[in-house]
Amino acid sequence: MATISATMVKDLREKTGAGMMDCKAALAETKGDVEAAVDWLRTKGLAKAAKKAGRIAAEGLIGLAADAKQAALVEVNSETDFVARNAAFQKMASGIAEAALQAKGDLDKLSKSKFPGGFTATLPYPDSEQTLGKAALALSQNLKQLGITLSVKQVPTDEWFGTLYSHPKPLGPQIISWGVDYPDPADALHFIYDSTAATANNFNTANYKNAQMDKLLKIQQDSVNPKVRADAVANALKLTARDIPYIPLWYQEVAMALKTKYVYADFGTWYLYTPWATQITAK
C-alpha cells in the first residue's frame, strides 16, 4: 500500500480545491497517483451531483430587475435557506433577473444564449504568486454552480508576463494582483485604461479604447483641484464597470518594514513577482 504523506494531500488539495479528507481518500484509492486522484475526485463530484439531482429544492430567492418601462421576476431555487443567504447565490439571482429583463422574458431567446450549458476556460497564474493560484481554485469551485468549468494552471512567471504583454486576441481570463506603487489613486487607471496603452508591452491588456475615458483621465491628470480630480476618477470607474470585464476579487494589504540598517531600492508595482528578498541589502 502506498504511503500517503501530508505533503501529497496538501498538493492535491491546492491543485483541486477539494477537502482534505476527500484528497486523502482519493490518494488512498489511487495508490498515491496524483493525476489519477484528480480524476477520482472529479468522478466523485459528478456522482454526488447525480445523487443530489433528485432532491427537492424548496428554498431560494426571487430576483428582480426593472427599468423605466418593464420589470422581470425570476425564481432561483436551492435546497437550503443557508445557500440562499450566500452572497454569491444572491448575486447570481440578480444576474439571472437582469438577463431575463434584457431578453424581455423570452425564454426561448434565453435558452439560445451562446453558452446555455455553461463553458470551459483555462485560468493561468504565475508560479511566483501562489496566493493567486489559491484564489483561482476557490473561484473555480464557485463557478461550478453556474456551469462554468475553470481549469486553473500554474505557469512560469516570465511566460505569464510575456503573454500579458503581447496582447493576444483573445487573451482569455486572467488573474492578477496589482500593488499600486504611488499614493495617487488615479495612477493605475492610466496604465490600464488609457488608449495609448492598448499596445503590446503595455498594461491595457483588454485593448480598451474610449475617447470619453481618455478625456476623463486627462482632466484628472491636468487638474490640481481635488474635487475635479475625484469626479473624473469616479466617472472613469463607472465607464470601467460598464465596458470592461475586470472583476475585483479581494483587496490585500501588503506592506514591507525594514530595520534602519537595511535598504530595499526596487519597490514597485510588481515587486511581489520578483525575488525581492534577495534585493534587501545593508546600508
Foldseek 3Di string as FASTA:
>chain_A
DADDDPVLLVVLCLQQVDDSVLSVVLCVVVRNDSVSSNVVVVVVVVVVVVVCPPDDFPDADWAWDDDPPDIFIDTDTGNDVVVRPDPLRNVVNNVVRVVCVVVVNPVVVVCPPPCNQEEEFEEEDAPLCSVQSSVQSVVQVSCVVVNYHYRYHYDHPVVVVQLQQQLDVPSTDYDDDWDAPDPDPCVVVCQQADLVQLHHRTRVSVNHDDPLLNVLSVQLVPDPDPVSNVVSVVVNVVCCVVPPPDDDDDDDDDDDDDDPQKDADDDHGCCSSDPRVVRIDGD
